[in-house]
Protein backbone atom coordinates (compact mmCIF):
# COMPACT_ATOMS: atom_id res chain seq x y z
CA UNK A 1 254.41 69.15 -140.66
CA UNK A 2 251.58 68.94 -138.19
CA UNK A 3 250.68 71.76 -135.82
CA UNK A 4 252.19 70.05 -132.76
CA UNK A 5 255.57 69.80 -134.49
CA UNK A 6 255.30 73.42 -135.61
CA UNK A 7 254.47 74.56 -132.07
CA UNK A 8 257.45 72.63 -130.71
CA UNK A 9 259.75 74.10 -133.36
CA UNK A 10 258.42 77.59 -132.59
CA UNK A 11 259.17 77.12 -128.89
CA UNK A 12 262.60 75.75 -129.78
CA UNK A 13 263.32 78.82 -131.92
CA UNK A 14 262.32 81.11 -129.06
CA UNK A 15 264.58 79.22 -126.63
CA UNK A 16 267.45 79.51 -129.12
CA UNK A 17 266.89 83.26 -129.29
CA UNK A 18 266.77 83.56 -125.50
CA UNK A 19 270.01 81.57 -125.20
CA UNK A 20 271.59 83.78 -127.84
CA UNK A 21 270.68 86.96 -125.98
CA UNK A 22 271.90 85.53 -122.68
CA UNK A 23 275.29 84.55 -124.10
CA UNK A 24 275.63 87.88 -125.92
CA UNK A 25 274.98 89.76 -122.67
CA UNK A 26 277.47 87.63 -120.73
CA UNK A 27 274.99 85.57 -118.72
CA UNK A 28 276.45 82.14 -119.35
CA UNK A 29 274.40 80.32 -116.71
CA UNK A 30 271.13 81.64 -118.16
CA UNK A 31 272.28 80.74 -121.66
CA UNK A 32 273.09 77.21 -120.57
CA UNK A 33 269.65 76.89 -118.98
CA UNK A 34 267.98 77.84 -122.26
CA UNK A 35 270.23 75.42 -124.15
CA UNK A 36 268.97 72.69 -121.82
CA UNK A 37 265.42 73.68 -122.80
CA UNK A 38 266.39 73.51 -126.48
CA UNK A 39 267.73 69.98 -126.01
CA UNK A 40 264.46 68.91 -124.37
CA UNK A 41 262.41 70.45 -127.18
CA UNK A 42 264.69 68.92 -129.78
CA UNK A 43 263.92 65.46 -128.37
CA UNK A 44 260.19 66.22 -128.66
CA UNK A 45 260.43 66.87 -132.42
CA UNK A 46 259.51 63.94 -134.65
CA UNK A 47 262.42 64.06 -137.12
CA UNK A 48 260.40 62.05 -139.65
CA UNK A 49 257.97 64.97 -139.99
CA UNK A 50 260.46 67.79 -140.58
CA UNK A 51 261.95 68.71 -143.93
CA UNK A 52 265.61 68.13 -144.76
CA UNK A 53 266.72 71.73 -144.17
CA UNK A 54 265.13 71.86 -140.72
CA UNK A 55 266.61 68.45 -139.89
CA UNK A 56 270.06 69.71 -140.89
CA UNK A 57 269.65 72.76 -138.64
CA UNK A 58 268.57 70.62 -135.69
CA UNK A 59 271.46 68.21 -136.23
CA UNK A 60 273.96 71.11 -136.33
CA UNK A 61 272.92 72.49 -132.93
CA UNK A 62 275.14 70.26 -130.71
CA UNK A 63 278.19 71.65 -132.50
CA UNK A 64 277.06 75.18 -131.68
CA UNK A 65 276.39 74.29 -128.05
CA UNK A 66 279.99 73.12 -127.59
CA UNK A 67 281.63 76.32 -128.87
CA UNK A 68 283.91 78.08 -126.40
CA UNK A 69 283.61 81.59 -127.86
CA UNK A 70 280.39 82.92 -126.31
CA UNK A 71 279.97 85.76 -128.82
CA UNK A 72 280.28 83.34 -131.76
CA UNK A 73 277.91 80.95 -129.99
CA UNK A 74 275.40 83.78 -129.52
CA UNK A 75 275.60 84.73 -133.20
CA UNK A 76 275.17 81.13 -134.36
CA UNK A 77 272.26 80.52 -131.99
CA UNK A 78 270.52 83.63 -133.30
CA UNK A 79 271.08 82.50 -136.89
CA UNK A 80 269.63 79.05 -136.23
CA UNK A 81 266.75 80.58 -134.29
CA UNK A 82 265.88 82.72 -137.30
CA UNK A 83 266.13 79.77 -139.69
CA UNK A 84 263.80 77.62 -137.58
CA UNK A 85 261.35 80.47 -137.01
CA UNK A 86 261.21 81.22 -140.74
CA UNK A 87 260.47 77.55 -141.49
CA UNK A 88 257.66 77.55 -138.92
CA UNK A 89 256.18 80.76 -140.34
CA UNK A 90 256.27 79.45 -143.91
CA UNK A 91 254.75 76.11 -142.89
CA UNK A 92 251.94 77.81 -140.97
CA UNK A 93 251.11 79.95 -143.99
CA UNK A 94 250.97 76.82 -146.15
CA UNK A 95 248.60 75.14 -143.68
CA UNK A 96 246.14 78.02 -143.66
């Protein structure tokens, strides 16, 4: 993965975490705003450059966004945020 893709994925992971915290704390409108940011960042990612696991995570996100249970949604968003952030961290270490 190139550095631009890694930066975009890092920003996406941070937006997922922010959405997770917002939903967990009951701020649905703020959570939805961060989900909108995630969708924008997701469109910026060149799917041909990401590995299969990261692609699977990104493809699973719309299912999480449509969940009705906000606590479950918050937990899932945090999990996916951690998975993406770990992939970015590992990839950056491999580049250096």
